[in-house]
N, C-alpha and C. Protein backbone atom coordinates (compact mmCIF):
# COMPACT_ATOMS: atom_id res chain seq x y z
N MET A 1 -18.68 32.74 10.96
CA MET A 1 -17.52 31.92 10.59
C MET A 1 -16.56 32.97 10.34
N PRO A 2 -14.97 32.94 11.07
CA PRO A 2 -13.82 33.85 11.01
C PRO A 2 -13.69 34.06 9.38
N THR A 3 -12.99 34.92 9.13
CA THR A 3 -12.92 35.31 7.53
C THR A 3 -11.09 35.51 7.44
N ILE A 4 -10.26 34.87 6.97
CA ILE A 4 -8.81 35.13 6.61
C ILE A 4 -8.94 36.11 5.20
N LYS A 5 -8.28 37.24 5.18
CA LYS A 5 -8.30 37.87 4.14
C LYS A 5 -6.49 38.07 3.35
N PHE A 6 -6.43 37.95 2.15
CA PHE A 6 -5.44 37.81 1.47
C PHE A 6 -5.19 38.95 0.41
N THR A 7 -4.05 39.83 0.87
CA THR A 7 -4.14 41.44 0.08
C THR A 7 -2.98 41.12 -0.67
N ASP A 8 -3.02 41.31 -2.40
CA ASP A 8 -2.08 41.40 -3.17
C ASP A 8 -1.63 42.83 -2.95
N THR A 9 0.01 42.92 -2.14
CA THR A 9 0.10 44.15 -1.99
C THR A 9 0.73 44.85 -3.30
N THR A 10 1.06 44.00 -4.34
CA THR A 10 1.52 44.50 -5.55
C THR A 10 0.76 44.96 -6.56
N GLY A 11 -0.62 44.45 -6.27
CA GLY A 11 -1.67 44.58 -7.25
C GLY A 11 -1.29 44.10 -8.75
N LEU A 12 -0.51 43.32 -9.00
CA LEU A 12 -0.29 42.57 -10.24
C LEU A 12 0.36 41.33 -10.16
N VAL A 13 -0.46 40.24 -9.15
CA VAL A 13 -0.58 39.02 -9.43
C VAL A 13 -1.74 38.40 -10.16
N PRO A 14 -1.45 37.81 -11.06
CA PRO A 14 -2.51 37.33 -11.86
C PRO A 14 -3.35 36.29 -11.20
N GLU A 15 -4.87 36.26 -11.58
CA GLU A 15 -5.69 35.58 -10.75
C GLU A 15 -5.59 33.86 -10.54
N ASP A 16 -4.58 33.55 -11.60
CA ASP A 16 -4.38 32.28 -11.72
C ASP A 16 -3.45 31.75 -10.53
N TYR A 17 -2.93 32.59 -9.90
CA TYR A 17 -1.80 32.29 -8.94
C TYR A 17 -2.44 33.02 -7.41
N TYR A 18 -3.67 33.27 -7.27
CA TYR A 18 -4.16 33.39 -6.02
C TYR A 18 -3.99 32.53 -4.89
N PRO A 19 -3.94 32.71 -3.61
CA PRO A 19 -3.90 31.51 -2.58
C PRO A 19 -5.64 30.83 -2.82
N ILE A 20 -5.72 29.76 -2.67
CA ILE A 20 -6.96 29.35 -2.49
C ILE A 20 -7.09 28.07 -1.54
N PRO A 21 -8.07 27.73 -1.12
CA PRO A 21 -8.63 26.40 -0.07
C PRO A 21 -7.46 25.46 -0.38
N SER A 22 -7.02 24.73 0.56
CA SER A 22 -5.77 23.35 0.42
C SER A 22 -6.38 22.45 -0.15
N LYS A 23 -7.81 22.14 -0.12
CA LYS A 23 -8.50 21.18 -0.59
C LYS A 23 -8.64 21.05 -2.15
N PHE A 24 -7.85 22.44 -2.91
CA PHE A 24 -7.76 22.25 -4.05
C PHE A 24 -6.32 22.04 -4.76
N HIS A 25 -5.49 21.62 -3.60
CA HIS A 25 -3.85 21.40 -4.03
C HIS A 25 -3.71 20.13 -3.18
N ILE A 26 -4.51 18.99 -3.35
CA ILE A 26 -4.28 17.73 -2.81
C ILE A 26 -3.05 17.23 -3.68
N PRO A 27 -2.06 16.68 -2.96
CA PRO A 27 -1.06 16.05 -3.94
C PRO A 27 -1.26 15.29 -5.06
N GLU A 28 -0.69 15.41 -5.99
CA GLU A 28 -0.94 14.56 -7.12
C GLU A 28 -0.69 13.23 -6.62
N TRP A 29 0.33 12.24 -5.97
CA TRP A 29 0.32 11.08 -5.66
C TRP A 29 -1.06 10.47 -4.90
N LEU A 30 -1.50 11.54 -3.94
CA LEU A 30 -2.71 11.15 -3.39
C LEU A 30 -3.97 11.18 -4.27
N LYS A 31 -3.95 11.94 -5.04
CA LYS A 31 -5.10 12.07 -6.05
C LYS A 31 -4.90 10.68 -7.00
N ARG A 32 -3.84 10.15 -7.40
CA ARG A 32 -3.49 9.05 -8.07
C ARG A 32 -3.63 7.90 -7.56
N LEU A 33 -3.48 7.53 -6.12
CA LEU A 33 -3.83 6.31 -5.31
C LEU A 33 -4.97 5.96 -5.36
N ALA A 34 -5.25 4.77 -5.74
CA ALA A 34 -6.48 3.92 -5.62
C ALA A 34 -6.94 3.50 -4.16
N PRO A 35 -8.09 4.05 -3.88
CA PRO A 35 -8.59 3.71 -2.41
C PRO A 35 -8.49 2.64 -1.47
N TYR A 36 -8.16 1.53 -2.69
CA TYR A 36 -8.22 -0.01 -1.82
C TYR A 36 -6.82 -0.60 -2.49
N SER A 37 -6.22 -1.38 -1.76
CA SER A 37 -5.12 -2.19 -2.38
C SER A 37 -5.45 -2.98 -3.54
N ASP A 38 -4.50 -3.05 -4.19
CA ASP A 38 -4.70 -4.00 -5.55
C ASP A 38 -4.94 -5.34 -5.39
N GLU A 39 -3.63 -5.85 -4.12
CA GLU A 39 -3.60 -7.25 -3.48
C GLU A 39 -4.54 -7.72 -2.74
N LYS A 40 -5.01 -6.97 -1.67
CA LYS A 40 -6.19 -6.92 -0.85
C LYS A 40 -6.84 -5.98 -0.98
N GLN A 41 -7.93 -6.10 -1.54
CA GLN A 41 -9.23 -5.45 -2.04
C GLN A 41 -10.07 -4.83 -0.61
N ASP A 42 -9.99 -5.38 0.40
CA ASP A 42 -10.53 -4.89 1.66
C ASP A 42 -9.62 -3.83 2.20
N GLN A 43 -8.43 -3.59 1.95
CA GLN A 43 -7.50 -3.13 2.47
C GLN A 43 -7.06 -1.55 1.86
N GLN A 44 -7.51 -0.54 2.92
CA GLN A 44 -7.57 0.58 2.63
C GLN A 44 -6.08 1.25 2.44
N THR A 45 -6.08 2.42 1.52
CA THR A 45 -4.57 3.02 1.47
C THR A 45 -5.04 4.20 1.95
N ALA A 46 -3.90 5.06 1.83
CA ALA A 46 -3.81 6.50 2.52
C ALA A 46 -5.01 7.44 1.76
N LYS A 47 -5.73 6.68 0.70
CA LYS A 47 -6.38 7.73 -0.26
C LYS A 47 -7.90 7.61 0.61
N ARG A 48 -8.03 6.79 1.58
CA ARG A 48 -8.89 6.73 2.71
C ARG A 48 -8.70 7.30 4.21
N CYS A 49 -7.55 7.42 4.48
CA CYS A 49 -7.07 7.92 5.27
C CYS A 49 -7.68 9.48 6.21
N ILE A 50 -8.65 9.62 6.65
CA ILE A 50 -9.14 10.79 6.83
C ILE A 50 -8.26 11.71 7.58
N PRO A 51 -7.41 11.00 8.92
CA PRO A 51 -6.36 12.18 9.30
C PRO A 51 -5.55 12.59 8.35
N MET A 52 -4.85 11.88 7.37
CA MET A 52 -4.23 12.24 6.23
C MET A 52 -4.88 13.68 5.42
N LEU A 53 -6.23 13.07 5.03
CA LEU A 53 -6.95 13.66 4.24
C LEU A 53 -6.84 15.40 4.73
N ASP A 54 -7.47 15.26 6.05
CA ASP A 54 -7.84 16.37 6.62
C ASP A 54 -6.45 17.30 6.97
N ALA A 55 -5.65 16.95 6.88
CA ALA A 55 -4.31 17.63 6.98
C ALA A 55 -3.86 17.94 5.96
N VAL A 56 -3.78 17.44 4.52
CA VAL A 56 -3.81 18.09 3.30
C VAL A 56 -5.14 19.33 2.74
N MET A 57 -6.19 19.04 3.21
CA MET A 57 -6.96 20.09 3.21
C MET A 57 -7.22 21.14 4.07
N SER A 58 -6.33 21.24 5.10
CA SER A 58 -6.50 22.33 6.22
C SER A 58 -5.95 23.71 5.61
N GLY A 59 -6.74 24.51 6.10
CA GLY A 59 -6.08 26.11 5.66
C GLY A 59 -6.16 26.34 4.25
N TYR A 60 -5.12 27.25 3.75
CA TYR A 60 -4.95 27.84 2.33
C TYR A 60 -3.72 27.66 1.88
N THR A 61 -3.41 27.57 0.50
CA THR A 61 -2.17 27.18 0.04
C THR A 61 -1.93 28.71 -0.95
N ILE A 62 -0.56 29.27 -0.79
CA ILE A 62 0.09 30.06 -1.49
C ILE A 62 0.89 29.47 -2.47
N VAL A 63 1.19 29.90 -3.53
CA VAL A 63 1.55 29.27 -4.43
C VAL A 63 2.58 30.28 -5.34
N THR A 64 3.47 29.82 -5.90
CA THR A 64 4.50 30.84 -6.92
C THR A 64 3.98 31.51 -7.87
N THR A 65 4.15 32.80 -7.92
CA THR A 65 3.51 33.55 -8.90
C THR A 65 4.13 33.90 -10.27
N GLU A 66 5.11 33.06 -10.19
CA GLU A 66 6.13 33.29 -11.81
C GLU A 66 6.92 32.15 -11.81
N ASP A 67 7.36 31.85 -13.09
CA ASP A 67 8.26 30.64 -13.18
C ASP A 67 9.52 31.38 -12.42
N ILE A 68 10.08 30.51 -12.00
CA ILE A 68 11.41 30.57 -11.31
C ILE A 68 12.51 29.39 -11.88
N LYS A 69 13.54 29.90 -12.29
CA LYS A 69 14.60 28.84 -12.98
C LYS A 69 15.90 28.67 -11.70
N VAL A 70 16.16 27.50 -11.59
CA VAL A 70 17.23 27.39 -10.46
C VAL A 70 18.23 26.83 -11.37
N GLU A 71 19.26 27.61 -11.28
CA GLU A 71 20.88 27.24 -11.81
C GLU A 71 21.76 26.92 -10.85
N GLN A 72 22.76 25.96 -10.88
CA GLN A 72 23.83 25.64 -9.91
C GLN A 72 25.00 26.68 -10.64
N THR A 73 25.91 27.05 -9.63
CA THR A 73 26.92 27.84 -9.95
C THR A 73 28.15 27.03 -9.01
N GLU A 74 29.34 27.28 -8.97
CA GLU A 74 30.33 26.78 -8.52
C GLU A 74 30.18 26.81 -6.93
N THR A 75 29.61 27.95 -6.61
CA THR A 75 29.36 28.00 -4.86
C THR A 75 28.00 27.84 -4.38
N THR A 76 27.05 28.64 -5.06
CA THR A 76 25.50 28.47 -4.37
C THR A 76 24.60 28.44 -5.80
N PRO A 77 23.55 27.90 -5.48
CA PRO A 77 22.40 27.88 -6.52
C PRO A 77 21.88 29.34 -7.08
N PHE A 78 21.72 29.57 -8.24
CA PHE A 78 21.49 31.05 -8.71
C PHE A 78 19.80 30.97 -9.15
N TYR A 79 19.10 31.70 -8.80
CA TYR A 79 17.84 31.95 -9.20
C TYR A 79 17.47 32.75 -10.29
N ARG A 80 16.49 32.89 -11.27
CA ARG A 80 16.29 33.80 -12.16
C ARG A 80 14.78 33.45 -12.47
N TRP A 81 13.74 34.70 -12.53
CA TRP A 81 12.87 34.86 -13.05
C TRP A 81 12.52 35.89 -13.87
N ALA A 82 11.36 35.83 -14.67
CA ALA A 82 11.22 36.72 -16.03
C ALA A 82 10.29 37.81 -15.21
N ASN A 83 9.35 37.70 -13.88
CA ASN A 83 8.72 38.85 -13.75
C ASN A 83 8.32 38.90 -12.20
N GLY A 84 7.51 39.70 -11.37
CA GLY A 84 7.28 39.47 -9.96
C GLY A 84 8.31 39.78 -8.89
N LEU A 85 8.21 39.36 -8.08
CA LEU A 85 9.26 39.61 -6.81
C LEU A 85 10.29 38.54 -6.92
N GLY A 86 10.18 37.48 -6.88
CA GLY A 86 11.22 36.18 -6.89
C GLY A 86 11.80 36.02 -5.77
N VAL A 87 12.99 35.79 -5.32
CA VAL A 87 13.81 35.15 -4.56
C VAL A 87 14.83 36.43 -3.79
N ASP A 88 14.98 36.44 -2.48
CA ASP A 88 15.76 37.14 -1.93
C ASP A 88 16.48 36.28 -1.06
N PHE A 89 17.54 36.58 0.10
CA PHE A 89 18.41 35.80 0.60
C PHE A 89 18.50 36.38 2.19
N HIS A 90 18.69 35.24 3.02
CA HIS A 90 18.94 35.53 4.57
C HIS A 90 20.29 35.09 4.79
N SER A 91 21.36 35.85 5.31
CA SER A 91 22.55 35.20 5.64
C SER A 91 22.80 33.79 5.91
N VAL A 92 24.08 33.20 6.04
CA VAL A 92 24.12 31.69 6.48
C VAL A 92 24.09 31.93 8.30
N ASP A 93 24.46 33.02 8.79
CA ASP A 93 24.67 33.29 10.23
C ASP A 93 23.18 33.11 10.75
N GLN A 94 22.03 33.63 9.93
CA GLN A 94 20.92 33.37 10.67
C GLN A 94 20.39 31.67 10.94
N ALA A 95 21.00 30.81 10.19
CA ALA A 95 20.74 29.59 10.71
C ALA A 95 22.19 28.82 10.44
N SER A 96 23.38 29.09 11.35
CA SER A 96 24.40 28.51 11.01
C SER A 96 24.53 27.02 11.63
N THR A 97 23.69 26.67 12.64
CA THR A 97 23.78 25.15 13.26
C THR A 97 23.00 24.34 12.36
N HIS A 98 22.45 24.66 11.63
CA HIS A 98 21.31 24.11 10.83
C HIS A 98 22.41 23.03 10.08
N ALA A 99 21.96 21.71 10.00
CA ALA A 99 22.65 20.65 9.19
C ALA A 99 22.74 21.19 8.11
N LYS A 100 21.72 21.76 7.24
CA LYS A 100 21.72 21.77 5.99
C LYS A 100 21.98 23.11 5.58
N VAL A 101 22.24 23.84 6.27
CA VAL A 101 22.69 25.33 5.78
C VAL A 101 23.98 25.55 5.63
N HIS A 102 24.41 25.76 4.34
CA HIS A 102 26.02 25.83 3.83
C HIS A 102 26.03 27.16 3.15
N ALA A 103 25.12 28.00 2.83
CA ALA A 103 25.13 29.03 1.90
C ALA A 103 23.93 29.90 2.18
N PRO A 104 23.96 31.17 1.74
CA PRO A 104 22.74 32.04 1.98
C PRO A 104 21.49 31.12 2.09
N ILE A 105 20.61 31.79 2.57
CA ILE A 105 19.15 30.95 2.66
C ILE A 105 18.19 31.82 1.93
N PRO A 106 17.87 31.07 0.70
CA PRO A 106 16.78 31.85 0.00
C PRO A 106 15.50 32.08 0.72
N LYS A 107 14.61 32.66 0.02
CA LYS A 107 13.33 32.93 0.54
C LYS A 107 12.66 33.51 -0.58
N TRP A 108 11.11 33.02 -0.71
CA TRP A 108 10.05 33.30 -1.66
C TRP A 108 9.90 34.67 -1.02
N LEU A 109 9.90 35.80 -2.05
CA LEU A 109 9.06 37.04 -1.81
C LEU A 109 7.77 36.89 -2.05
N ASN A 110 6.73 37.16 -0.99
CA ASN A 110 5.52 36.82 -1.09
C ASN A 110 4.70 38.23 -1.16
N PRO A 111 3.91 38.53 -2.23
CA PRO A 111 3.27 39.63 -2.42
C PRO A 111 1.76 39.65 -1.21
N TRP A 112 1.63 38.65 -0.68
CA TRP A 112 0.39 38.44 0.09
C TRP A 112 0.46 39.30 1.72
N SER A 113 -0.46 40.07 1.98
CA SER A 113 -0.54 40.57 3.04
C SER A 113 -1.55 39.43 3.72
N ILE A 114 -1.66 38.97 4.78
CA ILE A 114 -2.59 38.12 5.50
C ILE A 114 -3.23 38.57 6.62
N GLU A 115 -4.53 39.01 6.79
CA GLU A 115 -5.14 39.17 7.85
C GLU A 115 -6.49 38.26 8.47
N THR A 116 -6.28 37.92 9.78
CA THR A 116 -7.37 37.18 10.38
C THR A 116 -7.78 38.05 11.51
N PRO A 117 -9.17 37.55 12.07
CA PRO A 117 -9.63 38.39 13.04
C PRO A 117 -8.99 38.40 14.27
N ARG A 118 -9.46 39.24 15.39
CA ARG A 118 -8.78 39.28 16.63
C ARG A 118 -8.56 37.86 17.25
N GLY A 119 -7.30 37.79 17.76
CA GLY A 119 -7.10 36.35 18.43
C GLY A 119 -6.79 35.35 17.74
N TYR A 120 -6.75 35.41 16.29
CA TYR A 120 -6.25 34.41 15.63
C TYR A 120 -5.01 34.77 14.88
N SER A 121 -3.94 33.44 14.65
CA SER A 121 -2.68 33.61 14.26
C SER A 121 -2.66 32.74 13.21
N CYS A 122 -1.36 32.60 12.21
CA CYS A 122 -1.54 31.35 11.11
C CYS A 122 -0.36 30.79 11.34
N LEU A 123 -0.44 29.30 11.14
CA LEU A 123 0.76 28.48 11.21
C LEU A 123 0.96 28.39 9.79
N PHE A 124 2.55 28.73 9.18
CA PHE A 124 2.99 28.51 8.04
C PHE A 124 3.77 27.08 7.87
N VAL A 125 3.22 26.25 6.97
CA VAL A 125 3.92 24.87 7.23
C VAL A 125 4.39 24.58 5.52
N PRO A 126 5.32 23.61 5.27
CA PRO A 126 5.38 23.00 4.03
C PRO A 126 4.22 22.28 3.84
N PRO A 127 4.01 22.48 2.65
CA PRO A 127 2.65 21.94 1.82
C PRO A 127 2.85 20.21 2.41
N LEU A 128 1.58 20.06 3.15
CA LEU A 128 1.44 18.88 4.02
C LEU A 128 1.21 17.76 3.18
N ASN A 129 2.21 16.58 3.61
CA ASN A 129 2.14 15.22 2.97
C ASN A 129 2.64 15.13 1.45
N SER A 130 2.92 16.04 1.30
CA SER A 130 3.81 16.64 -0.52
C SER A 130 4.72 15.73 -0.56
N ASP A 131 5.05 15.46 -1.75
CA ASP A 131 5.93 14.75 -2.45
C ASP A 131 6.56 15.01 -3.71
N GLY A 132 7.77 15.35 -3.84
CA GLY A 132 8.63 15.74 -4.96
C GLY A 132 8.59 17.15 -5.02
N LEU A 133 8.27 18.10 -4.36
CA LEU A 133 8.50 19.67 -4.31
C LEU A 133 10.04 20.05 -4.31
N ALA A 134 10.85 20.67 -5.05
CA ALA A 134 11.84 21.18 -5.31
C ALA A 134 12.29 22.04 -3.95
N PHE A 135 11.64 22.11 -2.91
CA PHE A 135 12.13 23.19 -2.23
C PHE A 135 11.36 22.48 -0.99
N THR A 136 11.69 22.72 0.50
CA THR A 136 11.03 22.61 1.83
C THR A 136 11.36 24.18 2.42
N PRO A 137 10.15 24.67 2.82
CA PRO A 137 9.96 25.96 3.52
C PRO A 137 10.28 25.83 4.64
N PHE A 138 10.72 26.64 5.57
CA PHE A 138 10.92 26.69 7.05
C PHE A 138 9.30 26.89 7.73
N ALA A 139 8.98 26.39 8.75
CA ALA A 139 7.64 26.78 9.37
C ALA A 139 7.70 27.92 10.25
N GLY A 140 6.60 28.22 10.40
CA GLY A 140 6.52 29.52 11.25
C GLY A 140 5.24 29.93 11.79
N ILE A 141 5.19 30.47 12.92
CA ILE A 141 3.48 31.12 13.64
C ILE A 141 3.72 32.81 13.36
N VAL A 142 2.82 33.40 12.68
CA VAL A 142 2.73 34.79 12.58
C VAL A 142 1.35 35.42 13.30
N ASP A 143 1.05 36.15 14.30
CA ASP A 143 -0.02 36.82 14.69
C ASP A 143 -0.57 37.71 13.64
N THR A 144 -1.30 37.05 13.01
CA THR A 144 -1.79 37.72 11.63
C THR A 144 -3.04 38.67 11.91
N ASP A 145 -3.11 38.85 13.46
CA ASP A 145 -4.45 39.81 13.50
C ASP A 145 -3.85 40.98 13.73
N THR A 146 -2.65 41.28 14.19
CA THR A 146 -1.85 42.52 14.49
C THR A 146 -0.70 42.60 13.65
N TYR A 147 -0.03 41.63 12.92
CA TYR A 147 1.12 41.83 11.81
C TYR A 147 0.60 41.77 10.65
N LEU A 148 0.42 42.84 9.72
CA LEU A 148 -0.16 43.09 8.54
C LEU A 148 0.78 42.99 7.39
N PRO A 149 2.17 43.36 7.80
CA PRO A 149 2.93 43.19 6.41
C PRO A 149 3.17 41.77 5.98
N VAL A 150 3.64 41.73 4.64
CA VAL A 150 3.73 40.43 4.08
C VAL A 150 4.78 39.60 4.81
N VAL A 151 4.34 38.12 4.95
CA VAL A 151 5.32 37.40 5.49
C VAL A 151 5.98 36.52 4.35
N ASN A 152 7.49 36.62 4.28
CA ASN A 152 8.36 35.89 3.31
C ASN A 152 8.54 34.61 3.68
N PHE A 153 9.10 33.51 2.84
CA PHE A 153 9.07 32.06 3.21
C PHE A 153 10.59 31.48 2.95
N PRO A 154 11.41 31.78 3.95
CA PRO A 154 12.59 30.92 3.59
C PRO A 154 12.58 29.63 3.28
N PHE A 155 13.31 28.75 2.60
CA PHE A 155 13.32 27.71 2.24
C PHE A 155 14.64 27.03 1.88
N LEU A 156 14.67 25.70 1.79
CA LEU A 156 15.65 24.89 1.47
C LEU A 156 15.17 24.02 0.08
N LEU A 157 16.45 23.68 -1.03
CA LEU A 157 16.26 22.91 -1.89
C LEU A 157 16.02 21.51 -1.37
N SER A 158 15.11 20.95 -1.52
CA SER A 158 15.14 19.36 -1.37
C SER A 158 16.42 18.52 -1.55
N ASP A 159 16.49 18.83 -2.88
CA ASP A 159 18.16 18.34 -3.36
C ASP A 159 18.88 19.50 -3.30
N PRO A 160 19.91 19.73 -2.75
CA PRO A 160 20.83 21.01 -2.92
C PRO A 160 21.49 21.08 -4.33
N LYS A 161 21.34 20.09 -4.95
CA LYS A 161 22.06 20.25 -6.44
C LYS A 161 21.06 20.25 -7.55
N PHE A 162 19.53 20.56 -7.05
CA PHE A 162 18.59 20.61 -7.92
C PHE A 162 18.71 21.74 -9.01
N GLU A 163 18.63 21.82 -10.15
CA GLU A 163 18.55 22.42 -11.42
C GLU A 163 17.13 22.28 -12.23
N GLY A 164 16.80 23.19 -12.62
CA GLY A 164 15.34 22.95 -13.46
C GLY A 164 14.43 24.28 -12.81
N LEU A 165 13.36 24.07 -13.71
CA LEU A 165 12.23 25.11 -13.46
C LEU A 165 11.06 24.67 -12.28
N VAL A 166 10.81 25.82 -11.41
CA VAL A 166 9.77 25.54 -10.50
C VAL A 166 8.76 26.49 -11.29
N PRO A 167 7.77 25.93 -11.71
CA PRO A 167 6.85 26.59 -12.53
C PRO A 167 5.64 27.55 -11.82
N ALA A 168 5.46 28.60 -12.23
CA ALA A 168 4.10 29.69 -11.51
C ALA A 168 2.83 28.55 -11.37
N GLY A 169 2.60 28.68 -9.82
CA GLY A 169 1.31 28.07 -9.52
C GLY A 169 1.75 26.70 -8.78
N THR A 170 3.02 26.39 -8.37
CA THR A 170 3.80 25.69 -7.51
C THR A 170 3.60 25.91 -6.13
N PRO A 171 2.96 24.75 -5.11
CA PRO A 171 2.68 25.56 -3.83
C PRO A 171 3.96 25.66 -2.99
N ILE A 172 3.93 26.93 -2.41
CA ILE A 172 4.92 27.27 -1.63
C ILE A 172 4.74 26.80 -0.12
N VAL A 173 3.66 27.16 0.43
CA VAL A 173 3.36 27.04 1.71
C VAL A 173 1.89 26.64 2.26
N GLN A 174 1.64 26.11 3.18
CA GLN A 174 0.16 25.92 3.70
C GLN A 174 -0.27 26.76 4.59
N VAL A 175 -1.07 27.61 4.89
CA VAL A 175 -1.67 28.30 5.96
C VAL A 175 -2.41 28.14 6.54
N ILE A 176 -2.62 27.75 7.99
CA ILE A 176 -3.60 27.01 8.77
C ILE A 176 -3.85 28.20 9.83
N PRO A 177 -4.86 28.87 9.55
CA PRO A 177 -5.10 30.10 10.81
C PRO A 177 -5.87 29.23 12.03
N PHE A 178 -5.48 29.46 13.03
CA PHE A 178 -6.07 28.89 14.41
C PHE A 178 -5.85 30.17 15.35
N GLN A 179 -6.73 29.81 16.57
CA GLN A 179 -7.27 30.53 17.39
C GLN A 179 -6.33 30.56 18.72
N ARG A 180 -5.54 31.63 19.05
CA ARG A 180 -4.84 31.22 20.08
C ARG A 180 -5.41 31.06 21.56
N GLU A 181 -4.97 30.18 22.30
CA GLU A 181 -5.60 29.63 23.48
C GLU A 181 -4.14 29.29 24.43
N ALA A 182 -4.55 29.36 25.72
CA ALA A 182 -3.64 28.90 26.62
C ALA A 182 -3.86 27.59 27.30
N TRP A 183 -2.73 26.86 27.11
CA TRP A 183 -2.91 25.24 27.12
C TRP A 183 -2.06 24.87 28.47
N THR A 184 -2.20 23.81 29.01
CA THR A 184 -1.51 23.13 30.10
C THR A 184 -1.55 21.68 29.72
N MET A 185 -0.65 21.07 30.37
CA MET A 185 -0.37 19.53 29.90
C MET A 185 -0.43 18.58 31.00
N GLU A 186 -1.18 17.35 30.81
CA GLU A 186 -1.20 16.27 31.85
C GLU A 186 -0.83 15.24 31.28
N THR A 187 -0.22 14.39 32.23
CA THR A 187 0.13 12.91 31.58
C THR A 187 -0.47 12.03 32.59
N VAL A 188 -0.94 10.99 32.02
CA VAL A 188 -1.54 10.10 32.49
C VAL A 188 -0.93 8.63 32.39
N VAL A 189 -0.91 7.65 33.51
CA VAL A 189 -0.32 6.56 32.95
C VAL A 189 -1.63 5.19 33.13
N GLY A 190 -1.61 4.47 31.96
CA GLY A 190 -2.57 3.15 31.65
C GLY A 190 -3.86 3.91 31.31
N ASN A 191 -4.47 2.69 30.77
CA ASN A 191 -5.73 3.17 30.19
C ASN A 191 -7.01 3.71 30.98
N THR A 192 -7.36 4.79 30.70
CA THR A 192 -8.69 5.46 31.24
C THR A 192 -9.76 4.72 30.98
N GLN A 193 -11.09 5.09 31.45
CA GLN A 193 -12.10 4.90 31.40
C GLN A 193 -12.39 5.12 30.05
N GLU A 194 -12.22 6.28 29.87
CA GLU A 194 -12.75 7.11 28.64
C GLU A 194 -12.08 6.94 27.36
N VAL A 195 -10.53 6.45 27.41
CA VAL A 195 -9.80 5.66 26.27
C VAL A 195 -10.51 4.35 26.31
N THR A 196 -10.78 3.48 27.29
CA THR A 196 -11.01 2.01 27.04
C THR A 196 -12.87 2.31 26.27
N ARG A 197 -13.47 3.09 26.59
CA ARG A 197 -15.04 3.30 25.98
C ARG A 197 -14.84 3.78 24.68
N ALA A 198 -13.69 4.37 24.27
CA ALA A 198 -13.51 5.20 22.63
C ALA A 198 -13.13 3.79 21.72
N THR A 199 -11.98 3.12 22.52
CA THR A 199 -11.07 2.09 22.03
C THR A 199 -12.51 0.99 21.35
N ARG A 200 -13.30 0.78 22.71
CA ARG A 200 -14.40 -0.03 22.30
C ARG A 200 -15.49 0.08 21.32
N ARG A 201 -15.85 1.50 21.40
CA ARG A 201 -16.57 2.20 20.04
C ARG A 201 -15.75 1.66 18.84
N LEU A 202 -14.51 2.15 18.77
CA LEU A 202 -14.13 2.29 17.47
C LEU A 202 -13.81 0.80 16.93
N ARG A 203 -13.85 -0.29 17.91
CA ARG A 203 -13.64 -1.72 17.30
C ARG A 203 -15.25 -2.20 17.05
N SER A 204 -16.42 -1.02 17.58
CA SER A 204 -17.82 -1.96 17.06
C SER A 204 -17.90 -2.03 15.72
N VAL A 205 -17.30 -1.55 14.87
CA VAL A 205 -17.74 -1.45 13.48
C VAL A 205 -16.53 -2.23 12.54
N PHE A 206 -16.66 -3.07 11.72
CA PHE A 206 -15.63 -3.46 10.89
C PHE A 206 -14.65 -2.52 10.41
N LYS A 207 -15.04 -1.30 9.76
CA LYS A 207 -14.18 -0.53 8.96
C LYS A 207 -14.96 0.73 9.12
N ASN A 208 -13.75 1.97 9.00
CA ASN A 208 -14.27 3.34 8.97
C ASN A 208 -14.71 3.66 10.08
N GLY A 209 -14.24 3.43 11.18
CA GLY A 209 -14.73 3.37 12.46
C GLY A 209 -14.61 5.10 12.95
N TYR A 210 -13.48 5.55 12.69
CA TYR A 210 -12.88 6.92 12.83
C TYR A 210 -13.95 7.85 11.83
N ARG A 211 -14.08 7.46 10.82
CA ARG A 211 -14.88 8.25 10.01
C ARG A 211 -16.23 8.08 10.32
N ARG A 212 -16.69 7.27 10.94
CA ARG A 212 -18.19 7.48 11.10
C ARG A 212 -18.56 7.78 12.37
N LEU A 213 -17.76 7.22 13.58
CA LEU A 213 -17.80 7.71 14.58
C LEU A 213 -17.32 8.76 15.60
N PHE A 214 -16.06 9.24 14.76
CA PHE A 214 -15.24 10.48 15.68
C PHE A 214 -15.06 11.37 14.81
N HIS A 215 -14.95 11.61 13.37
CA HIS A 215 -14.51 12.66 12.73
C HIS A 215 -15.64 13.63 12.66
N HIS A 216 -15.20 14.94 12.80
CA HIS A 216 -15.92 16.03 12.54
C HIS A 216 -15.29 16.82 11.34
N PRO A 217 -16.30 16.95 10.32
CA PRO A 217 -15.78 17.62 9.25
C PRO A 217 -14.99 19.08 9.46
N LYS A 218 -14.02 19.62 8.72
CA LYS A 218 -13.55 20.83 8.80
C LYS A 218 -13.84 21.87 7.50
N SER A 219 -14.02 22.85 7.99
CA SER A 219 -14.35 23.81 6.68
C SER A 219 -13.29 25.13 6.39
N PHE A 220 -12.99 25.13 5.13
CA PHE A 220 -12.00 26.21 4.67
C PHE A 220 -12.49 26.83 3.28
N ASP A 221 -13.13 27.79 3.37
CA ASP A 221 -13.64 28.27 1.97
C ASP A 221 -13.30 29.62 1.61
């Protein structure tokens, strides 16, 4: 089984804020959701949606390692923190054509060096299917089998006028390791025999067809 290694380059991060498998960071809205609709007892909700759950539980989650306060000034948001690395900025020029970039782009300064086995990279994405986070990081891919310096995480405030506290332990990014492979694309018109057979198999049961007949468990520990 491949191993992903997170190294605290500062040596100062409290264990409470270490990266952990994303299965321990399921969004609160999804945890609170009932598995079946109140109005239609046989109607499943997103709580029973295997593709959605697979997404939120894939990979590993990096969190803020200190409280960060966001205050609005006349020009740009101002960030304060009591300890740790905090926030730095990219210039507007680095994303000047982005519709929501009107000021220097903040980035979380990440203490973690990330190392994967040869041939494996990491996809960094906003915490998947999250709801209510004060910020949205930009996504990126890094070849973490060769690049071992820390990867910082540029972001935008979800609400440009947000003011308040981003508490330590808030998920920043979801880290999904994957094996690099070369792919080609094919486009086919009309149902194929394979698609027809799979569809008939799916419809052979009343419910949970994907879970029972097609799904393969994923493991991130």
